[in-house]
Amino acid sequence: MRWLARLLAVLLLAYGTAAAQNPELRTAHHLDSIRKNPSLLLAFLEDMPKGADLHNHMAGAIYA
């Protein structure tokens, strides 16, 4: 029974460290992995948010 508790503890620690990786770091690793593949890189960059997806002002948003 102790081995089960130890296994559970190890799995929880491993999951915690993997889940702690922030989104920016995951995105950077993904970009590095596809950097030399033009078709994957194009798809990645086309899916990135642009313009008003990133930032807008409420006072001018009604005119857009």
Protein backbone atom coordinates (compact mmCIF):
# COMPACT_ATOMS: atom_id res chain seq x y z
CA MET A 1 0.00 0.00 0.00
CA ARG A 2 2.91 2.35 0.64
CA TRP A 3 4.14 1.92 -2.90
CA LEU A 4 0.77 3.16 -4.13
CA ALA A 5 1.02 6.27 -1.97
CA ARG A 6 4.57 6.90 -3.20
CA LEU A 7 3.52 6.39 -6.80
CA LEU A 8 0.63 8.80 -6.36
CA ALA A 9 2.95 11.39 -4.78
CA VAL A 10 5.44 11.11 -7.65
CA LEU A 11 2.70 11.39 -10.26
CA LEU A 12 1.19 14.43 -8.56
CA LEU A 13 4.58 16.13 -8.37
CA ALA A 14 5.28 15.37 -12.02
CA TYR A 15 1.88 16.69 -13.06
CA GLY A 16 2.33 19.81 -10.95
CA THR A 17 5.62 20.73 -12.56
CA ALA A 18 4.28 20.11 -16.08
CA ALA A 19 1.15 22.14 -15.39
CA ALA A 20 3.20 24.97 -13.89
CA GLN A 21 4.79 25.76 -17.26
CA ASN A 22 3.29 29.09 -18.29
CA PRO A 23 1.55 29.65 -21.65
CA GLU A 24 4.29 31.95 -22.95
CA LEU A 25 6.93 29.28 -22.38
CA ARG A 26 4.79 26.59 -24.04
CA THR A 27 4.23 28.89 -27.03
CA ALA A 28 7.94 29.66 -27.29
CA HIS A 29 8.81 25.95 -27.25
CA HIS A 30 6.20 25.25 -29.93
CA LEU A 31 7.51 28.09 -32.09
CA ASP A 32 11.07 26.77 -31.76
CA SER A 33 9.91 23.29 -32.81
CA ILE A 34 8.19 24.52 -36.01
CA ARG A 35 10.57 27.33 -36.95
CA LYS A 36 12.15 25.40 -39.86
CA ASN A 37 8.86 24.16 -41.33
CA PRO A 38 7.36 27.00 -43.43
CA SER A 39 3.84 25.56 -43.70
CA LEU A 40 3.52 24.93 -39.95
CA LEU A 41 5.06 28.30 -39.18
CA LEU A 42 2.59 30.07 -41.49
CA ALA A 43 -0.36 28.29 -39.87
CA PHE A 44 0.97 29.17 -36.41
CA LEU A 45 1.39 32.85 -37.25
CA GLU A 46 -2.00 33.09 -38.96
CA ASP A 47 -3.67 31.73 -35.80
CA MET A 48 -2.00 34.32 -33.57
CA PRO A 49 -4.24 37.15 -32.32
CA LYS A 50 -3.83 40.46 -34.11
CA GLY A 51 -5.00 44.05 -33.83
CA ALA A 52 -8.11 44.51 -31.73
CA ASP A 53 -7.81 40.92 -30.50
CA LEU A 54 -4.89 42.17 -28.43
CA HIS A 55 -5.86 45.72 -27.48
CA ASN A 56 -8.64 48.25 -27.98
CA HIS A 57 -10.09 51.34 -26.32
CA MET A 58 -13.75 51.39 -25.37
CA ALA A 59 -14.21 55.00 -26.52
CA GLY A 60 -13.16 54.15 -30.07
CA ALA A 61 -14.42 50.57 -30.18
CA ILE A 62 -17.95 51.57 -31.18
CA TYR A 63 -16.66 53.11 -34.43
CA ALA A 64 -14.71 50.06 -35.53
